[in-house]
Amino acid sequence: MGFICEGRYIIEPLVSGDAPKYIDLLLECMSETYDPLIAPGYGAKHRVNREEMIARAAEDFARVDARAFLAYENPSWEPSVSLSCAVGGQVDWDKPVGLVLSHCHVADWEHKEGIDDPPAGARKLSNLYTLARTHGTGLGTALFESAIYPEEVAYAWVIAENKHAIAFYERHGFQLEQPVFNALGLWAPAHSQRMSRGF
């Protein structure tokens, strides 16, 4: 897609071969985000499912309705320059700093829990994470807007303890739904809630 945040980052569409670095970044972001909120080591315990997560991500990227992107730092970015480009710098394509994935597929676990289906065609924001050092730069919003278009009917599942994420989605027109669920499997002992827009 190109440069965003005044040239500080580059957003590129994902392909199935990007699944390993996507998942490695996802796991790193989960540790940064949830270890302080849930328990030390909470993010690391998800690494036991890394290979399964990679396979599932590749399937998600291949969906015809998928919107999936990775963000990279521009090594030539300078805060004093209104628009930086990557000329003269070597982008590290192996180390993304942000990710996003949306699609229109309802997960099996949502059906098993008896959760009401979203409206037909609603877009699910499956993942949106950036490394902590990028917070406050606008990268999260840029990734969000790449995956969820204005006024699009959409929803996301959030960890109820993550008040920062809840506030972010509320700024983008999402509302918290009830009830609060006990997170399943490796996500325990956290809690999850659905947030929706346009339902």
C-alpha atoms as a PDB file:
ATOM      1  CA  MET A   1       0.000   0.000   0.000  1.00  0.00           C
ATOM      2  CA  GLY A   2       2.790   2.410   0.805  1.00  0.00           C
ATOM      3  CA  PHE A   3       3.898   4.941   3.396  1.00  0.00           C
ATOM      4  CA  ILE A   4       1.723   6.062   6.286  1.00  0.00           C
ATOM      5  CA  CYS A   5       2.134   8.222   9.390  1.00  0.00           C
ATOM      6  CA  GLU A   6       4.131  10.858   7.465  1.00  0.00           C
ATOM      7  CA  GLY A   7       6.390   8.183   6.029  1.00  0.00           C
ATOM      8  CA  ARG A   8       7.277   6.602   9.363  1.00  0.00           C
ATOM      9  CA  TYR A   9       5.842   3.197   8.431  1.00  0.00           C
ATOM     10  CA  ILE A  10       5.119   1.137   5.344  1.00  0.00           C
ATOM     11  CA  ILE A  11       1.975  -1.009   5.105  1.00  0.00           C
ATOM     12  CA  GLU A  12       2.085  -3.973   2.763  1.00  0.00           C
ATOM     13  CA  PRO A  13      -0.553  -6.631   1.928  1.00  0.00           C
ATOM     14  CA  LEU A  14       0.051 -10.105   3.281  1.00  0.00           C
ATOM     15  CA  VAL A  15       0.467 -13.334   1.355  1.00  0.00           C
ATOM     16  CA  SER A  16       0.253 -16.877   2.742  1.00  0.00           C
ATOM     17  CA  GLY A  17       4.052 -17.116   2.995  1.00  0.00           C
ATOM     18  CA  ASP A  18       4.012 -14.254   5.503  1.00  0.00           C
ATOM     19  CA  ALA A  19       2.167 -16.368   8.077  1.00  0.00           C
ATOM     20  CA  PRO A  20       5.245 -17.240  10.222  1.00  0.00           C
ATOM     21  CA  LYS A  21       6.393 -13.627  10.706  1.00  0.00           C
ATOM     22  CA  TYR A  22       2.783 -12.538  11.207  1.00  0.00           C
ATOM     23  CA  ILE A  23       2.337 -15.071  14.015  1.00  0.00           C
ATOM     24  CA  ASP A  24       5.728 -14.345  15.572  1.00  0.00           C
ATOM     25  CA  LEU A  25       4.797 -10.659  15.742  1.00  0.00           C
ATOM     26  CA  LEU A  26       1.345 -11.531  17.069  1.00  0.00           C
ATOM     27  CA  LEU A  27       2.888 -13.600  19.869  1.00  0.00           C
ATOM     28  CA  GLU A  28       5.325 -10.806  20.749  1.00  0.00           C
ATOM     29  CA  CYS A  29       2.530  -8.243  20.866  1.00  0.00           C
ATOM     30  CA  MET A  30       0.380 -10.553  22.979  1.00  0.00           C
ATOM     31  CA  SER A  31       3.175 -10.815  25.546  1.00  0.00           C
ATOM     32  CA  GLU A  32       3.662  -7.046  25.613  1.00  0.00           C
ATOM     33  CA  THR A  33      -0.064  -6.411  25.892  1.00  0.00           C
ATOM     34  CA  TYR A  34      -1.378  -9.120  28.175  1.00  0.00           C
ATOM     35  CA  ASP A  35       1.457 -10.026  30.538  1.00  0.00           C
ATOM     36  CA  PRO A  36       0.883  -6.819  32.554  1.00  0.00           C
ATOM     37  CA  LEU A  37      -2.918  -7.165  32.356  1.00  0.00           C
ATOM     38  CA  ILE A  38      -3.488 -10.884  32.962  1.00  0.00           C
ATOM     39  CA  ALA A  39      -0.375 -12.590  34.364  1.00  0.00           C
ATOM     40  CA  PRO A  40       3.376 -12.769  33.726  1.00  0.00           C
ATOM     41  CA  GLY A  41       4.073 -15.320  31.002  1.00  0.00           C
ATOM     42  CA  TYR A  42       0.489 -15.168  29.713  1.00  0.00           C
ATOM     43  CA  GLY A  43       1.575 -14.362  26.170  1.00  0.00           C
ATOM     44  CA  ALA A  44       4.397 -16.889  26.116  1.00  0.00           C
ATOM     45  CA  LYS A  45       2.108 -19.842  26.884  1.00  0.00           C
ATOM     46  CA  HIS A  46       0.406 -19.325  23.521  1.00  0.00           C
ATOM     47  CA  ARG A  47       3.667 -20.208  21.753  1.00  0.00           C
ATOM     48  CA  VAL A  48       2.913 -23.908  22.153  1.00  0.00           C
ATOM     49  CA  ASN A  49       0.314 -23.435  19.409  1.00  0.00           C
ATOM     50  CA  ARG A  50       2.640 -21.524  17.055  1.00  0.00           C
ATOM     51  CA  GLU A  51       2.550 -24.039  14.192  1.00  0.00           C
ATOM     52  CA  GLU A  52      -1.225 -24.406  14.405  1.00  0.00           C
ATOM     53  CA  MET A  53      -1.578 -20.621  14.495  1.00  0.00           C
ATOM     54  CA  ILE A  54       0.609 -20.291  11.382  1.00  0.00           C
ATOM     55  CA  ALA A  55      -1.501 -22.818   9.467  1.00  0.00           C
ATOM     56  CA  ARG A  56      -4.741 -21.102  10.499  1.00  0.00           C
ATOM     57  CA  ALA A  57      -3.377 -17.673   9.578  1.00  0.00           C
ATOM     58  CA  ALA A  58      -2.379 -18.875   6.110  1.00  0.00           C
ATOM     59  CA  GLU A  59      -5.931 -20.156   5.613  1.00  0.00           C
ATOM     60  CA  ASP A  60      -7.350 -16.809   6.746  1.00  0.00           C
ATOM     61  CA  PHE A  61      -5.074 -14.849   4.389  1.00  0.00           C
ATOM     62  CA  ALA A  62      -6.288 -17.004   1.484  1.00  0.00           C
ATOM     63  CA  ARG A  63      -9.961 -16.179   2.060  1.00  0.00           C
ATOM     64  CA  VAL A  64     -11.415 -14.223  -0.815  1.00  0.00           C
ATOM     65  CA  ASP A  65     -12.790 -11.605   1.597  1.00  0.00           C
ATOM     66  CA  ALA A  66      -9.617 -11.252   3.688  1.00  0.00           C
ATOM     67  CA  ARG A  67      -7.894  -7.920   4.239  1.00  0.00           C
ATOM     68  CA  ALA A  68      -4.513  -8.606   5.816  1.00  0.00           C
ATOM     69  CA  PHE A  69      -1.531  -6.287   6.165  1.00  0.00           C
ATOM     70  CA  LEU A  70       1.823  -5.981   7.897  1.00  0.00           C
ATOM     71  CA  ALA A  71       3.487  -2.697   8.848  1.00  0.00           C
ATOM     72  CA  TYR A  72       7.237  -2.080   8.744  1.00  0.00           C
ATOM     73  CA  GLU A  73       9.403   0.722  10.060  1.00  0.00           C
ATOM     74  CA  ASN A  74      10.965   3.082   7.528  1.00  0.00           C
ATOM     75  CA  PRO A  75      14.656   3.334   8.483  1.00  0.00           C
ATOM     76  CA  SER A  76      14.927   6.673   6.655  1.00  0.00           C
ATOM     77  CA  TRP A  77      12.118   8.333   8.601  1.00  0.00           C
ATOM     78  CA  GLU A  78      13.025  11.626  10.225  1.00  0.00           C
ATOM     79  CA  PRO A  79      10.609  13.479  12.517  1.00  0.00           C
ATOM     80  CA  SER A  80      11.775  16.830  11.192  1.00  0.00           C
ATOM     81  CA  VAL A  81      10.863  15.945   7.580  1.00  0.00           C
ATOM     82  CA  SER A  82       7.201  16.274   6.591  1.00  0.00           C
ATOM     83  CA  LEU A  83       7.294  13.156   4.382  1.00  0.00           C
ATOM     84  CA  SER A  84      10.077  10.590   4.444  1.00  0.00           C
ATOM     85  CA  CYS A  85      10.733   7.884   1.902  1.00  0.00           C
ATOM     86  CA  ALA A  86      12.757   4.688   2.104  1.00  0.00           C
ATOM     87  CA  VAL A  87      15.460   5.829  -0.293  1.00  0.00           C
ATOM     88  CA  GLY A  88      18.856   5.272   1.282  1.00  0.00           C
ATOM     89  CA  GLY A  89      17.516   2.935   3.954  1.00  0.00           C
ATOM     90  CA  GLN A  90      17.122  -0.816   4.064  1.00  0.00           C
ATOM     91  CA  VAL A  91      13.669  -1.863   5.285  1.00  0.00           C
ATOM     92  CA  ASP A  92      13.825  -4.975   7.472  1.00  0.00           C
ATOM     93  CA  TRP A  93      11.123  -7.029   5.779  1.00  0.00           C
ATOM     94  CA  ASP A  94      11.645  -9.852   8.290  1.00  0.00           C
ATOM     95  CA  LYS A  95      10.619  -7.732  11.280  1.00  0.00           C
ATOM     96  CA  PRO A  96       7.189  -6.129  10.971  1.00  0.00           C
ATOM     97  CA  VAL A  97       5.991  -3.873  13.780  1.00  0.00           C
ATOM     98  CA  GLY A  98       2.235  -4.044  13.231  1.00  0.00           C
ATOM     99  CA  LEU A  99      -0.415  -6.356  11.814  1.00  0.00           C
ATOM    100  CA  VAL A 100      -4.098  -6.436  10.985  1.00  0.00           C
ATOM    101  CA  LEU A 101      -6.518  -9.038   9.643  1.00  0.00           C
ATOM    102  CA  SER A 102     -10.232  -8.810   8.891  1.00  0.00           C
ATOM    103  CA  HIS A 103     -12.637 -11.128   7.092  1.00  0.00           C
ATOM    104  CA  CYS A 104     -16.314 -12.124   7.090  1.00  0.00           C
ATOM    105  CA  HIS A 105     -15.940 -15.610   8.612  1.00  0.00           C
ATOM    106  CA  VAL A 106     -17.591 -16.529  11.924  1.00  0.00           C
ATOM    107  CA  ALA A 107     -15.369 -18.825  14.002  1.00  0.00           C
ATOM    108  CA  ASP A 108     -16.565 -22.262  15.094  1.00  0.00           C
ATOM    109  CA  TRP A 109     -16.122 -21.376  18.764  1.00  0.00           C
ATOM    110  CA  GLU A 110     -18.575 -18.496  18.366  1.00  0.00           C
ATOM    111  CA  HIS A 111     -21.238 -20.951  17.196  1.00  0.00           C
ATOM    112  CA  LYS A 112     -20.406 -23.425  19.966  1.00  0.00           C
ATOM    113  CA  GLU A 113     -20.868 -20.718  22.587  1.00  0.00           C
ATOM    114  CA  GLY A 114     -24.331 -19.967  21.220  1.00  0.00           C
ATOM    115  CA  ILE A 115     -23.420 -16.371  20.383  1.00  0.00           C
ATOM    116  CA  ASP A 116     -25.845 -14.610  18.066  1.00  0.00           C
ATOM    117  CA  ASP A 117     -24.508 -14.435  14.520  1.00  0.00           C
ATOM    118  CA  PRO A 118     -23.508 -10.984  13.289  1.00  0.00           C
ATOM    119  CA  PRO A 119     -25.543  -9.479  10.435  1.00  0.00           C
ATOM    120  CA  ALA A 120     -24.868 -10.985   7.019  1.00  0.00           C
ATOM    121  CA  GLY A 121     -21.727  -9.503   5.515  1.00  0.00           C
ATOM    122  CA  ALA A 122     -20.454  -8.053   8.787  1.00  0.00           C
ATOM    123  CA  ARG A 123     -16.680  -7.795   8.800  1.00  0.00           C
ATOM    124  CA  LYS A 124     -14.771  -9.308  11.712  1.00  0.00           C
ATOM    125  CA  LEU A 125     -11.594  -7.601  12.867  1.00  0.00           C
ATOM    126  CA  SER A 126      -9.702 -10.749  13.762  1.00  0.00           C
ATOM    127  CA  ASN A 127      -6.393  -9.207  14.857  1.00  0.00           C
ATOM    128  CA  LEU A 128      -4.974  -5.715  15.261  1.00  0.00           C
ATOM    129  CA  TYR A 129      -1.682  -5.326  17.118  1.00  0.00           C
ATOM    130  CA  THR A 130       1.378  -3.094  17.037  1.00  0.00           C
ATOM    131  CA  LEU A 131       4.545  -3.246  19.095  1.00  0.00           C
ATOM    132  CA  ALA A 132       4.460  -1.107  22.235  1.00  0.00           C
ATOM    133  CA  ARG A 133       7.155   1.236  20.954  1.00  0.00           C
ATOM    134  CA  THR A 134       4.825   2.310  18.113  1.00  0.00           C
ATOM    135  CA  HIS A 135       1.876   3.183  20.348  1.00  0.00           C
ATOM    136  CA  GLY A 136       0.708   6.756  19.977  1.00  0.00           C
ATOM    137  CA  THR A 137       2.165   7.182  16.486  1.00  0.00           C
ATOM    138  CA  GLY A 138      -1.080   6.593  14.563  1.00  0.00           C
ATOM    139  CA  LEU A 139      -0.006   3.190  13.261  1.00  0.00           C
ATOM    140  CA  GLY A 140      -2.893   1.348  14.934  1.00  0.00           C
ATOM    141  CA  THR A 141      -5.455   3.647  13.328  1.00  0.00           C
ATOM    142  CA  ALA A 142      -3.786   3.353   9.917  1.00  0.00           C
ATOM    143  CA  LEU A 143      -3.912  -0.443  10.122  1.00  0.00           C
ATOM    144  CA  PHE A 144      -7.510  -0.382  11.348  1.00  0.00           C
ATOM    145  CA  GLU A 145      -8.576   1.810   8.429  1.00  0.00           C
ATOM    146  CA  SER A 146      -6.855  -0.582   6.011  1.00  0.00           C
ATOM    147  CA  ALA A 147      -8.959  -3.490   7.236  1.00  0.00           C
ATOM    148  CA  ILE A 148     -12.281  -1.868   8.228  1.00  0.00           C
ATOM    149  CA  TYR A 149     -13.740   0.764   5.927  1.00  0.00           C
ATOM    150  CA  PRO A 150     -15.780   3.777   7.139  1.00  0.00           C
ATOM    151  CA  GLU A 151     -19.393   2.957   8.030  1.00  0.00           C
ATOM    152  CA  GLU A 152     -18.753  -0.743   7.407  1.00  0.00           C
ATOM    153  CA  VAL A 153     -20.739  -3.089   9.675  1.00  0.00           C
ATOM    154  CA  ALA A 154     -18.059  -4.753  11.773  1.00  0.00           C
ATOM    155  CA  TYR A 155     -17.209  -6.443  15.043  1.00  0.00           C
ATOM    156  CA  ALA A 156     -14.214  -7.530  17.091  1.00  0.00           C
ATOM    157  CA  TRP A 157     -13.555  -9.649  20.152  1.00  0.00           C
ATOM    158  CA  VAL A 158     -11.552  -7.941  22.869  1.00  0.00           C
ATOM    159  CA  ILE A 159     -10.023  -9.047  26.138  1.00  0.00           C
ATOM    160  CA  ALA A 160     -12.279  -7.328  28.663  1.00  0.00           C
ATOM    161  CA  GLU A 161      -9.274  -6.406  30.805  1.00  0.00           C
ATOM    162  CA  ASN A 162      -7.741  -4.447  27.916  1.00  0.00           C
ATOM    163  CA  LYS A 163      -9.301  -1.027  28.535  1.00  0.00           C
ATOM    164  CA  HIS A 164      -6.893   0.620  26.070  1.00  0.00           C
ATOM    165  CA  ALA A 165      -8.204  -1.536  23.197  1.00  0.00           C
ATOM    166  CA  ILE A 166     -11.820  -0.974  24.239  1.00  0.00           C
ATOM    167  CA  ALA A 167     -11.307   2.805  24.210  1.00  0.00           C
ATOM    168  CA  PHE A 168      -9.627   2.565  20.789  1.00  0.00           C
ATOM    169  CA  TYR A 169     -12.582   0.724  19.254  1.00  0.00           C
ATOM    170  CA  GLU A 170     -15.073   3.037  20.911  1.00  0.00           C
ATOM    171  CA  ARG A 171     -13.353   5.951  19.180  1.00  0.00           C
ATOM    172  CA  HIS A 172     -14.059   4.134  15.920  1.00  0.00           C
ATOM    173  CA  GLY A 173     -17.767   3.729  16.625  1.00  0.00           C
ATOM    174  CA  PHE A 174     -17.813   0.280  18.251  1.00  0.00           C
ATOM    175  CA  GLN A 175     -19.916  -0.510  21.311  1.00  0.00           C
ATOM    176  CA  LEU A 176     -19.394  -3.161  23.967  1.00  0.00           C
ATOM    177  CA  GLU A 177     -21.945  -5.958  24.027  1.00  0.00           C
ATOM    178  CA  GLN A 178     -23.017  -8.116  26.930  1.00  0.00           C
ATOM    179  CA  PRO A 179     -22.400 -10.675  28.308  1.00  0.00           C
ATOM    180  CA  VAL A 180     -18.762 -10.999  29.301  1.00  0.00           C
ATOM    181  CA  PHE A 181     -17.419 -14.490  28.549  1.00  0.00           C
ATOM    182  CA  ASN A 182     -14.805 -16.533  30.334  1.00  0.00           C
ATOM    183  CA  ALA A 183     -12.045 -16.911  27.753  1.00  0.00           C
ATOM    184  CA  LEU A 184     -11.496 -20.479  26.552  1.00  0.00           C
ATOM    185  CA  GLY A 185      -8.390 -22.672  26.479  1.00  0.00           C
ATOM    186  CA  LEU A 186      -5.065 -20.857  26.608  1.00  0.00           C
ATOM    187  CA  TRP A 187      -6.921 -17.542  26.797  1.00  0.00           C
ATOM    188  CA  ALA A 188      -8.073 -18.322  30.360  1.00  0.00           C
ATOM    189  CA  PRO A 189      -8.193 -16.720  32.910  1.00  0.00           C
ATOM    190  CA  ALA A 190      -8.944 -13.621  30.830  1.00  0.00           C
ATOM    191  CA  HIS A 191     -12.443 -12.545  29.829  1.00  0.00           C
ATOM    192  CA  SER A 192     -13.732 -11.603  26.408  1.00  0.00           C
ATOM    193  CA  GLN A 193     -16.434  -9.346  25.035  1.00  0.00           C
ATOM    194  CA  ARG A 194     -17.715  -8.636  21.573  1.00  0.00           C
ATOM    195  CA  MET A 195     -17.669  -5.075  20.327  1.00  0.00           C
ATOM    196  CA  SER A 196     -19.765  -4.166  17.302  1.00  0.00           C
ATOM    197  CA  ARG A 197     -20.548  -1.334  14.948  1.00  0.00           C
ATOM    198  CA  GLY A 198     -23.697  -1.062  12.883  1.00  0.00           C
ATOM    199  CA  PHE A 199     -25.524  -4.083  14.358  1.00  0.00           C
END
